Amino acid sequence: MKTEVKQIIAKEWLFFILCLIIGLTVFPVILIYIFEGNLKYLSSFYEHLLSDIVAWIVIMIPYLLFQVIRLTIWAITILQINLLDSYPNLFKKIHNWLIPP
């Protein structure tokens, strides 16, 4: 396998692991605090991980959102729609960081 392919795979795994960690730690805390006003139900969320598919969907939301954003940027690039005419350098930096050349 070429080095470039290995780097892309490693980068994708890094994105996945980081989003999974955020989904396991930060995201449930934010959601429970927003909807309940306190964190007393946080332990029950982690108890449901073994049996409830909804808990796993909540954990995967950061990764899914990240991928939707990447796919949107990719689609805009492929369709050659330049929505950020006033910030072309910023768009290039974000694009190169999210989608390797």
PDB file of N, CA and C in Angstrom:
ATOM      1  N   MET A   1       0.853  -1.184   0.000  1.00  0.00           N
ATOM      2  CA  MET A   1       0.000   0.000   0.000  1.00  0.00           C
ATOM      3  C   MET A   1       0.893   1.238   0.000  1.00  0.00           C
ATOM      4  N   LYS A   2       0.512   2.221  -0.785  1.00  0.00           N
ATOM      5  CA  LYS A   2       1.316   3.431  -0.891  1.00  0.00           C
ATOM      6  C   LYS A   2       1.243   4.248   0.388  1.00  0.00           C
ATOM      7  N   THR A   3       2.280   5.037   0.596  1.00  0.00           N
ATOM      8  CA  THR A   3       2.361   5.872   1.783  1.00  0.00           C
ATOM      9  C   THR A   3       1.214   6.877   1.833  1.00  0.00           C
ATOM     10  N   GLU A   4       0.842   7.427   0.681  1.00  0.00           N
ATOM     11  CA  GLU A   4      -0.235   8.418   0.636  1.00  0.00           C
ATOM     12  C   GLU A   4      -1.567   7.802   1.081  1.00  0.00           C
ATOM     13  N   VAL A   5      -1.826   6.589   0.648  1.00  0.00           N
ATOM     14  CA  VAL A   5      -3.054   5.897   1.041  1.00  0.00           C
ATOM     15  C   VAL A   5      -3.041   5.615   2.539  1.00  0.00           C
ATOM     16  N   LYS A   6      -1.894   5.200   3.052  1.00  0.00           N
ATOM     17  CA  LYS A   6      -1.771   4.944   4.486  1.00  0.00           C
ATOM     18  C   LYS A   6      -2.014   6.212   5.295  1.00  0.00           C
ATOM     19  N   GLN A   7      -1.525   7.333   4.800  1.00  0.00           N
ATOM     20  CA  GLN A   7      -1.744   8.601   5.491  1.00  0.00           C
ATOM     21  C   GLN A   7      -3.214   8.995   5.490  1.00  0.00           C
ATOM     22  N   ILE A   8      -3.888   8.782   4.379  1.00  0.00           N
ATOM     23  CA  ILE A   8      -5.313   9.100   4.294  1.00  0.00           C
ATOM     24  C   ILE A   8      -6.109   8.214   5.252  1.00  0.00           C
ATOM     25  N   ILE A   9      -5.795   6.925   5.277  1.00  0.00           N
ATOM     26  CA  ILE A   9      -6.488   6.005   6.181  1.00  0.00           C
ATOM     27  C   ILE A   9      -6.227   6.388   7.635  1.00  0.00           C
ATOM     28  N   ALA A  10      -4.985   6.726   7.955  1.00  0.00           N
ATOM     29  CA  ALA A  10      -4.658   7.130   9.325  1.00  0.00           C
ATOM     30  C   ALA A  10      -5.402   8.400   9.709  1.00  0.00           C
ATOM     31  N   LYS A  11      -5.513   9.341   8.784  1.00  0.00           N
ATOM     32  CA  LYS A  11      -6.226  10.591   9.052  1.00  0.00           C
ATOM     33  C   LYS A  11      -7.712  10.320   9.288  1.00  0.00           C
ATOM     34  N   GLU A  12      -8.310   9.438   8.477  1.00  0.00           N
ATOM     35  CA  GLU A  12      -9.722   9.101   8.645  1.00  0.00           C
ATOM     36  C   GLU A  12      -9.964   8.404   9.980  1.00  0.00           C
ATOM     37  N   TRP A  13      -9.070   7.516  10.374  1.00  0.00           N
ATOM     38  CA  TRP A  13      -9.198   6.861  11.679  1.00  0.00           C
ATOM     39  C   TRP A  13      -9.079   7.879  12.807  1.00  0.00           C
ATOM     40  N   LEU A  14      -8.182   8.830  12.649  1.00  0.00           N
ATOM     41  CA  LEU A  14      -8.025   9.872  13.664  1.00  0.00           C
ATOM     42  C   LEU A  14      -9.305  10.686  13.795  1.00  0.00           C
ATOM     43  N   PHE A  15      -9.897  11.084  12.669  1.00  0.00           N
ATOM     44  CA  PHE A  15     -11.173  11.798  12.716  1.00  0.00           C
ATOM     45  C   PHE A  15     -12.242  10.962  13.418  1.00  0.00           C
ATOM     46  N   PHE A  16     -12.314   9.681  13.072  1.00  0.00           N
ATOM     47  CA  PHE A  16     -13.320   8.801  13.666  1.00  0.00           C
ATOM     48  C   PHE A  16     -13.118   8.660  15.175  1.00  0.00           C
ATOM     49  N   ILE A  17     -11.888   8.419  15.597  1.00  0.00           N
ATOM     50  CA  ILE A  17     -11.599   8.237  17.027  1.00  0.00           C
ATOM     51  C   ILE A  17     -11.872   9.524  17.810  1.00  0.00           C
ATOM     52  N   LEU A  18     -11.462  10.666  17.267  1.00  0.00           N
ATOM     53  CA  LEU A  18     -11.719  11.937  17.958  1.00  0.00           C
ATOM     54  C   LEU A  18     -13.215  12.209  18.092  1.00  0.00           C
ATOM     55  N   CYS A  19     -13.962  11.967  17.027  1.00  0.00           N
ATOM     56  CA  CYS A  19     -15.409  12.171  17.098  1.00  0.00           C
ATOM     57  C   CYS A  19     -16.068  11.171  18.038  1.00  0.00           C
ATOM     58  N   LEU A  20     -15.556   9.949  18.087  1.00  0.00           N
ATOM     59  CA  LEU A  20     -16.094   8.955  19.013  1.00  0.00           C
ATOM     60  C   LEU A  20     -15.840   9.358  20.457  1.00  0.00           C
ATOM     61  N   ILE A  21     -14.652   9.876  20.738  1.00  0.00           N
ATOM     62  CA  ILE A  21     -14.348  10.338  22.096  1.00  0.00           C
ATOM     63  C   ILE A  21     -15.243  11.513  22.474  1.00  0.00           C
ATOM     64  N   ILE A  22     -15.435  12.434  21.545  1.00  0.00           N
ATOM     65  CA  ILE A  22     -16.343  13.566  21.808  1.00  0.00           C
ATOM     66  C   ILE A  22     -17.760  13.054  22.027  1.00  0.00           C
ATOM     67  N   GLY A  23     -18.171  12.075  21.218  1.00  0.00           N
ATOM     68  CA  GLY A  23     -19.502  11.506  21.356  1.00  0.00           C
ATOM     69  C   GLY A  23     -19.704  10.750  22.658  1.00  0.00           C
ATOM     70  N   LEU A  24     -18.640  10.182  23.187  1.00  0.00           N
ATOM     71  CA  LEU A  24     -18.740   9.442  24.445  1.00  0.00           C
ATOM     72  C   LEU A  24     -18.631  10.337  25.673  1.00  0.00           C
ATOM     73  N   THR A  25     -17.951  11.458  25.542  1.00  0.00           N
ATOM     74  CA  THR A  25     -17.703  12.277  26.730  1.00  0.00           C
ATOM     75  C   THR A  25     -18.455  13.606  26.727  1.00  0.00           C
ATOM     76  N   VAL A  26     -18.265  14.400  25.719  1.00  0.00           N
ATOM     77  CA  VAL A  26     -18.786  15.768  25.719  1.00  0.00           C
ATOM     78  C   VAL A  26     -20.248  15.835  25.293  1.00  0.00           C
ATOM     79  N   PHE A  27     -20.586  15.183  24.202  1.00  0.00           N
ATOM     80  CA  PHE A  27     -21.911  15.317  23.616  1.00  0.00           C
ATOM     81  C   PHE A  27     -23.037  14.858  24.547  1.00  0.00           C
ATOM     82  N   PRO A  28     -22.927  13.692  25.220  1.00  0.00           N
ATOM     83  CA  PRO A  28     -23.998  13.301  26.149  1.00  0.00           C
ATOM     84  C   PRO A  28     -24.175  14.294  27.295  1.00  0.00           C
ATOM     85  N   VAL A  29     -23.081  14.830  27.793  1.00  0.00           N
ATOM     86  CA  VAL A  29     -23.161  15.813  28.882  1.00  0.00           C
ATOM     87  C   VAL A  29     -23.933  17.046  28.422  1.00  0.00           C
ATOM     88  N   ILE A  30     -23.606  17.532  27.232  1.00  0.00           N
ATOM     89  CA  ILE A  30     -24.292  18.719  26.704  1.00  0.00           C
ATOM     90  C   ILE A  30     -25.773  18.439  26.499  1.00  0.00           C
ATOM     91  N   LEU A  31     -26.100  17.304  25.868  1.00  0.00           N
ATOM     92  CA  LEU A  31     -27.504  16.991  25.613  1.00  0.00           C
ATOM     93  C   LEU A  31     -28.302  16.815  26.899  1.00  0.00           C
ATOM     94  N   ILE A  32     -27.755  16.094  27.848  1.00  0.00           N
ATOM     95  CA  ILE A  32     -28.482  15.865  29.107  1.00  0.00           C
ATOM     96  C   ILE A  32     -28.648  17.170  29.862  1.00  0.00           C
ATOM     97  N   TYR A  33     -27.638  18.013  29.852  1.00  0.00           N
ATOM     98  CA  TYR A  33     -27.752  19.295  30.548  1.00  0.00           C
ATOM     99  C   TYR A  33     -28.786  20.200  29.870  1.00  0.00           C
ATOM    100  N   ILE A  34     -28.825  20.192  28.549  1.00  0.00           N
ATOM    101  CA  ILE A  34     -29.802  21.026  27.825  1.00  0.00           C
ATOM    102  C   ILE A  34     -31.220  20.546  28.084  1.00  0.00           C
ATOM    103  N   PHE A  35     -31.452  19.236  28.002  1.00  0.00           N
ATOM    104  CA  PHE A  35     -32.814  18.722  28.105  1.00  0.00           C
ATOM    105  C   PHE A  35     -33.282  18.500  29.535  1.00  0.00           C
ATOM    106  N   GLU A  36     -32.386  18.224  30.472  1.00  0.00           N
ATOM    107  CA  GLU A  36     -32.789  17.933  31.853  1.00  0.00           C
ATOM    108  C   GLU A  36     -32.456  19.061  32.828  1.00  0.00           C
ATOM    109  N   GLY A  37     -31.499  19.895  32.497  1.00  0.00           N
ATOM    110  CA  GLY A  37     -31.125  20.995  33.375  1.00  0.00           C
ATOM    111  C   GLY A  37     -30.104  20.619  34.429  1.00  0.00           C
ATOM    112  N   ASN A  38     -29.823  19.337  34.572  1.00  0.00           N
ATOM    113  CA  ASN A  38     -28.781  18.877  35.491  1.00  0.00           C
ATOM    114  C   ASN A  38     -28.203  17.572  34.937  1.00  0.00           C
ATOM    115  N   LEU A  39     -27.204  17.043  35.611  1.00  0.00           N
ATOM    116  CA  LEU A  39     -26.505  15.870  35.092  1.00  0.00           C
ATOM    117  C   LEU A  39     -26.799  14.600  35.880  1.00  0.00           C
ATOM    118  N   LYS A  40     -27.913  14.551  36.582  1.00  0.00           N
ATOM    119  CA  LYS A  40     -28.184  13.366  37.405  1.00  0.00           C
ATOM    120  C   LYS A  40     -28.500  12.128  36.565  1.00  0.00           C
ATOM    121  N   TYR A  41     -28.887  12.305  35.297  1.00  0.00           N
ATOM    122  CA  TYR A  41     -29.201  11.161  34.436  1.00  0.00           C
ATOM    123  C   TYR A  41     -28.020  10.723  33.575  1.00  0.00           C
ATOM    124  N   LEU A  42     -26.873  11.306  33.798  1.00  0.00           N
ATOM    125  CA  LEU A  42     -25.707  10.977  32.970  1.00  0.00           C
ATOM    126  C   LEU A  42     -25.299   9.517  33.134  1.00  0.00           C
ATOM    127  N   SER A  43     -25.318   8.996  34.339  1.00  0.00           N
ATOM    128  CA  SER A  43     -24.921   7.602  34.550  1.00  0.00           C
ATOM    129  C   SER A  43     -25.894   6.640  33.871  1.00  0.00           C
ATOM    130  N   SER A  44     -27.168   6.992  33.815  1.00  0.00           N
ATOM    131  CA  SER A  44     -28.129   6.098  33.145  1.00  0.00           C
ATOM    132  C   SER A  44     -27.893   6.068  31.634  1.00  0.00           C
ATOM    133  N   PHE A  45     -27.370   7.162  31.076  1.00  0.00           N
ATOM    134  CA  PHE A  45     -27.042   7.167  29.652  1.00  0.00           C
ATOM    135  C   PHE A  45     -25.990   6.101  29.361  1.00  0.00           C
ATOM    136  N   TYR A  46     -24.956   6.045  30.175  1.00  0.00           N
ATOM    137  CA  TYR A  46     -23.891   5.069  29.943  1.00  0.00           C
ATOM    138  C   TYR A  46     -24.356   3.646  30.224  1.00  0.00           C
ATOM    139  N   GLU A  47     -25.338   3.464  31.090  1.00  0.00           N
ATOM    140  CA  GLU A  47     -25.906   2.135  31.330  1.00  0.00           C
ATOM    141  C   GLU A  47     -26.664   1.641  30.099  1.00  0.00           C
ATOM    142  N   HIS A  48     -27.256   2.544  29.341  1.00  0.00           N
ATOM    143  CA  HIS A  48     -28.029   2.173  28.161  1.00  0.00           C
ATOM    144  C   HIS A  48     -27.157   1.828  26.957  1.00  0.00           C
ATOM    145  N   LEU A  49     -25.863   2.070  27.038  1.00  0.00           N
ATOM    146  CA  LEU A  49     -24.990   1.787  25.891  1.00  0.00           C
ATOM    147  C   LEU A  49     -25.002   0.316  25.489  1.00  0.00           C
ATOM    148  N   LEU A  50     -25.173  -0.564  26.467  1.00  0.00           N
ATOM    149  CA  LEU A  50     -25.142  -1.987  26.160  1.00  0.00           C
ATOM    150  C   LEU A  50     -26.424  -2.484  25.513  1.00  0.00           C
ATOM    151  N   SER A  51     -27.519  -1.767  25.718  1.00  0.00           N
ATOM    152  CA  SER A  51     -28.793  -2.310  25.247  1.00  0.00           C
ATOM    153  C   SER A  51     -29.586  -1.395  24.317  1.00  0.00           C
ATOM    154  N   ASP A  52     -29.226  -0.136  24.222  1.00  0.00           N
ATOM    155  CA  ASP A  52     -30.073   0.807  23.514  1.00  0.00           C
ATOM    156  C   ASP A  52     -29.346   1.362  22.290  1.00  0.00           C
ATOM    157  N   ILE A  53     -29.952   1.176  21.125  1.00  0.00           N
ATOM    158  CA  ILE A  53     -29.356   1.676  19.880  1.00  0.00           C
ATOM    159  C   ILE A  53     -29.379   3.201  19.817  1.00  0.00           C
ATOM    160  N   VAL A  54     -30.350   3.824  20.462  1.00  0.00           N
ATOM    161  CA  VAL A  54     -30.450   5.291  20.454  1.00  0.00           C
ATOM    162  C   VAL A  54     -29.224   5.917  21.115  1.00  0.00           C
ATOM    163  N   ALA A  55     -28.721   5.304  22.173  1.00  0.00           N
ATOM    164  CA  ALA A  55     -27.517   5.813  22.838  1.00  0.00           C
ATOM    165  C   ALA A  55     -26.331   5.794  21.874  1.00  0.00           C
ATOM    166  N   TRP A  56     -26.218   4.750  21.058  1.00  0.00           N
ATOM    167  CA  TRP A  56     -25.125   4.676  20.092  1.00  0.00           C
ATOM    168  C   TRP A  56     -25.298   5.691  18.972  1.00  0.00           C
ATOM    169  N   ILE A  57     -26.536   5.967  18.603  1.00  0.00           N
ATOM    170  CA  ILE A  57     -26.779   6.995  17.593  1.00  0.00           C
ATOM    171  C   ILE A  57     -26.350   8.361  18.126  1.00  0.00           C
ATOM    172  N   VAL A  58     -26.661   8.629  19.392  1.00  0.00           N
ATOM    173  CA  VAL A  58     -26.244   9.892  20.012  1.00  0.00           C
ATOM    174  C   VAL A  58     -24.728  10.002  20.023  1.00  0.00           C
ATOM    175  N   ILE A  59     -24.055   8.910  20.304  1.00  0.00           N
ATOM    176  CA  ILE A  59     -22.591   8.912  20.337  1.00  0.00           C
ATOM    177  C   ILE A  59     -22.019   9.180  18.943  1.00  0.00           C
ATOM    178  N   MET A  60     -22.682   8.692  17.917  1.00  0.00           N
ATOM    179  CA  MET A  60     -22.167   8.832  16.552  1.00  0.00           C
ATOM    180  C   MET A  60     -22.535  10.167  15.900  1.00  0.00           C
ATOM    181  N   ILE A  61     -23.379  10.970  16.512  1.00  0.00           N
ATOM    182  CA  ILE A  61     -23.808  12.238  15.915  1.00  0.00           C
ATOM    183  C   ILE A  61     -22.632  13.158  15.579  1.00  0.00           C
ATOM    184  N   PRO A  62     -21.635  13.349  16.445  1.00  0.00           N
ATOM    185  CA  PRO A  62     -20.522  14.230  16.049  1.00  0.00           C
ATOM    186  C   PRO A  62     -19.801  13.750  14.782  1.00  0.00           C
ATOM    187  N   TYR A  63     -19.589  12.453  14.652  1.00  0.00           N
ATOM    188  CA  TYR A  63     -18.921  11.921  13.466  1.00  0.00           C
ATOM    189  C   TYR A  63     -19.794  12.083  12.231  1.00  0.00           C
ATOM    190  N   LEU A  64     -21.082  11.801  12.372  1.00  0.00           N
ATOM    191  CA  LEU A  64     -21.989  11.942  11.238  1.00  0.00           C
ATOM    192  C   LEU A  64     -22.090  13.396  10.787  1.00  0.00           C
ATOM    193  N   LEU A  65     -22.153  14.326  11.730  1.00  0.00           N
ATOM    194  CA  LEU A  65     -22.182  15.747  11.372  1.00  0.00           C
ATOM    195  C   LEU A  65     -20.893  16.167  10.671  1.00  0.00           C
ATOM    196  N   PHE A  66     -19.778  15.692  11.179  1.00  0.00           N
ATOM    197  CA  PHE A  66     -18.485  15.986  10.570  1.00  0.00           C
ATOM    198  C   PHE A  66     -18.442  15.489   9.120  1.00  0.00           C
ATOM    199  N   GLN A  67     -18.944  14.273   8.894  1.00  0.00           N
ATOM    200  CA  GLN A  67     -18.945  13.721   7.541  1.00  0.00           C
ATOM    201  C   GLN A  67     -19.902  14.468   6.619  1.00  0.00           C
ATOM    202  N   VAL A  68     -21.039  14.890   7.144  1.00  0.00           N
ATOM    203  CA  VAL A  68     -21.978  15.670   6.330  1.00  0.00           C
ATOM    204  C   VAL A  68     -21.348  16.986   5.901  1.00  0.00           C
ATOM    205  N   ILE A  69     -20.640  17.630   6.818  1.00  0.00           N
ATOM    206  CA  ILE A  69     -19.959  18.884   6.478  1.00  0.00           C
ATOM    207  C   ILE A  69     -18.894  18.636   5.408  1.00  0.00           C
ATOM    208  N   ARG A  70     -18.117  17.579   5.565  1.00  0.00           N
ATOM    209  CA  ARG A  70     -17.093  17.250   4.573  1.00  0.00           C
ATOM    210  C   ARG A  70     -17.696  16.949   3.213  1.00  0.00           C
ATOM    211  N   LEU A  71     -18.778  16.183   3.197  1.00  0.00           N
ATOM    212  CA  LEU A  71     -19.428  15.850   1.931  1.00  0.00           C
ATOM    213  C   LEU A  71     -20.033  17.081   1.262  1.00  0.00           C
ATOM    214  N   THR A  72     -20.537  17.995   2.063  1.00  0.00           N
ATOM    215  CA  THR A  72     -21.084  19.227   1.515  1.00  0.00           C
ATOM    216  C   THR A  72     -19.982  20.054   0.863  1.00  0.00           C
ATOM    217  N   ILE A  73     -18.865  20.184   1.543  1.00  0.00           N
ATOM    218  CA  ILE A  73     -17.721  20.914   0.971  1.00  0.00           C
ATOM    219  C   ILE A  73     -17.230  20.224  -0.296  1.00  0.00           C
ATOM    220  N   TRP A  74     -17.183  18.901  -0.263  1.00  0.00           N
ATOM    221  CA  TRP A  74     -16.756  18.154  -1.443  1.00  0.00           C
ATOM    222  C   TRP A  74     -17.719  18.378  -2.609  1.00  0.00           C
ATOM    223  N   ALA A  75     -19.020  18.345  -2.342  1.00  0.00           N
ATOM    224  CA  ALA A  75     -20.013  18.541  -3.400  1.00  0.00           C
ATOM    225  C   ALA A  75     -19.913  19.941  -3.995  1.00  0.00           C
ATOM    226  N   ILE A  76     -19.716  20.937  -3.150  1.00  0.00           N
ATOM    227  CA  ILE A  76     -19.560  22.303  -3.640  1.00  0.00           C
ATOM    228  C   ILE A  76     -18.325  22.396  -4.525  1.00  0.00           C
ATOM    229  N   THR A  77     -17.252  21.740  -4.126  1.00  0.00           N
ATOM    230  CA  THR A  77     -16.020  21.754  -4.903  1.00  0.00           C
ATOM    231  C   THR A  77     -16.212  21.046  -6.240  1.00  0.00           C
ATOM    232  N   ILE A  78     -16.848  19.900  -6.212  1.00  0.00           N
ATOM    233  CA  ILE A  78     -17.057  19.134  -7.438  1.00  0.00           C
ATOM    234  C   ILE A  78     -17.958  19.897  -8.403  1.00  0.00           C
ATOM    235  N   LEU A  79     -18.974  20.535  -7.904  1.00  0.00           N
ATOM    236  CA  LEU A  79     -19.886  21.289  -8.758  1.00  0.00           C
ATOM    237  C   LEU A  79     -19.328  22.646  -9.144  1.00  0.00           C
ATOM    238  N   GLN A  80     -18.159  22.958  -8.632  1.00  0.00           N
ATOM    239  CA  GLN A  80     -17.451  24.197  -8.921  1.00  0.00           C
ATOM    240  C   GLN A  80     -18.285  25.432  -8.613  1.00  0.00           C
ATOM    241  N   ILE A  81     -18.961  25.362  -7.495  1.00  0.00           N
ATOM    242  CA  ILE A  81     -19.715  26.510  -7.011  1.00  0.00           C
ATOM    243  C   ILE A  81     -18.855  27.164  -5.943  1.00  0.00           C
ATOM    244  N   ASN A  82     -18.438  28.375  -6.197  1.00  0.00           N
ATOM    245  CA  ASN A  82     -17.591  29.069  -5.241  1.00  0.00           C
ATOM    246  C   ASN A  82     -18.451  30.023  -4.418  1.00  0.00           C
ATOM    247  N   LEU A  83     -18.940  29.526  -3.270  1.00  0.00           N
ATOM    248  CA  LEU A  83     -19.814  30.327  -2.425  1.00  0.00           C
ATOM    249  C   LEU A  83     -19.040  31.306  -1.551  1.00  0.00           C
ATOM    250  N   LEU A  84     -17.740  31.089  -1.467  1.00  0.00           N
ATOM    251  CA  LEU A  84     -16.939  31.919  -0.574  1.00  0.00           C
ATOM    252  C   LEU A  84     -15.964  32.783  -1.366  1.00  0.00           C
ATOM    253  N   ASP A  85     -16.487  33.555  -2.303  1.00  0.00           N
ATOM    254  CA  ASP A  85     -15.623  34.393  -3.142  1.00  0.00           C
ATOM    255  C   ASP A  85     -14.794  35.371  -2.323  1.00  0.00           C
ATOM    256  N   SER A  86     -15.356  35.863  -1.247  1.00  0.00           N
ATOM    257  CA  SER A  86     -14.635  36.864  -0.466  1.00  0.00           C
ATOM    258  C   SER A  86     -13.573  36.237   0.440  1.00  0.00           C
ATOM    259  N   TYR A  87     -13.637  34.903   0.650  1.00  0.00           N
ATOM    260  CA  TYR A  87     -12.654  34.236   1.505  1.00  0.00           C
ATOM    261  C   TYR A  87     -12.061  33.014   0.796  1.00  0.00           C
ATOM    262  N   PRO A  88     -11.431  33.164  -0.352  1.00  0.00           N
ATOM    263  CA  PRO A  88     -10.947  31.983  -1.077  1.00  0.00           C
ATOM    264  C   PRO A  88      -9.812  31.258  -0.358  1.00  0.00           C
ATOM    265  N   ASN A  89      -8.936  31.973   0.312  1.00  0.00           N
ATOM    266  CA  ASN A  89      -7.825  31.308   1.003  1.00  0.00           C
ATOM    267  C   ASN A  89      -8.312  30.513   2.205  1.00  0.00           C
ATOM    268  N   LEU A  90      -9.277  31.039   2.922  1.00  0.00           N
ATOM    269  CA  LEU A  90      -9.836  30.320   4.059  1.00  0.00           C
ATOM    270  C   LEU A  90     -10.518  29.045   3.585  1.00  0.00           C
ATOM    271  N   PHE A  91     -11.281  29.149   2.490  1.00  0.00           N
ATOM    272  CA  PHE A  91     -11.953  27.974   1.948  1.00  0.00           C
ATOM    273  C   PHE A  91     -10.946  26.909   1.530  1.00  0.00           C
ATOM    274  N   LYS A  92      -9.840  27.319   0.905  1.00  0.00           N
ATOM    275  CA  LYS A  92      -8.809  26.367   0.492  1.00  0.00           C
ATOM    276  C   LYS A  92      -8.187  25.667   1.689  1.00  0.00           C
ATOM    277  N   LYS A  93      -7.904  26.418   2.753  1.00  0.00           N
ATOM    278  CA  LYS A  93      -7.304  25.823   3.940  1.00  0.00           C
ATOM    279  C   LYS A  93      -8.248  24.812   4.578  1.00  0.00           C
ATOM    280  N   ILE A  94      -9.518  25.183   4.706  1.00  0.00           N
ATOM    281  CA  ILE A  94     -10.502  24.265   5.286  1.00  0.00           C
ATOM    282  C   ILE A  94     -10.661  23.045   4.387  1.00  0.00           C
ATOM    283  N   HIS A  95     -10.743  23.269   3.102  1.00  0.00           N
ATOM    284  CA  HIS A  95     -10.923  22.169   2.159  1.00  0.00           C
ATOM    285  C   HIS A  95      -9.734  21.210   2.202  1.00  0.00           C
ATOM    286  N   ASN A  96      -8.519  21.723   2.192  1.00  0.00           N
ATOM    287  CA  ASN A  96      -7.344  20.865   2.223  1.00  0.00           C
ATOM    288  C   ASN A  96      -7.197  20.125   3.538  1.00  0.00           C
ATOM    289  N   TRP A  97      -7.679  20.723   4.611  1.00  0.00           N
ATOM    290  CA  TRP A  97      -7.600  20.047   5.899  1.00  0.00           C
ATOM    291  C   TRP A  97      -8.630  18.925   5.996  1.00  0.00           C
ATOM    292  N   LEU A  98      -9.846  19.188   5.503  1.00  0.00           N
ATOM    293  CA  LEU A  98     -10.909  18.189   5.607  1.00  0.00           C
ATOM    294  C   LEU A  98     -10.832  17.121   4.531  1.00  0.00           C
ATOM    295  N   ILE A  99     -10.481  17.517   3.318  1.00  0.00           N
ATOM    296  CA  ILE A  99     -10.428  16.582   2.186  1.00  0.00           C
ATOM    297  C   ILE A  99      -9.042  16.668   1.585  1.00  0.00           C
ATOM    298  N   PRO A 100      -8.243  15.613   1.774  1.00  0.00           N
ATOM    299  CA  PRO A 100      -6.878  15.652   1.253  1.00  0.00           C
ATOM    300  C   PRO A 100      -6.869  15.784  -0.268  1.00  0.00           C
ATOM    301  N   PRO A 101      -5.874  16.502  -0.802  1.00  0.00           N
ATOM    302  CA  PRO A 101      -5.808  16.694  -2.269  1.00  0.00           C
ATOM    303  C   PRO A 101      -5.515  15.398  -2.995  1.00  0.00           C
TER     304      PRO A 101
END
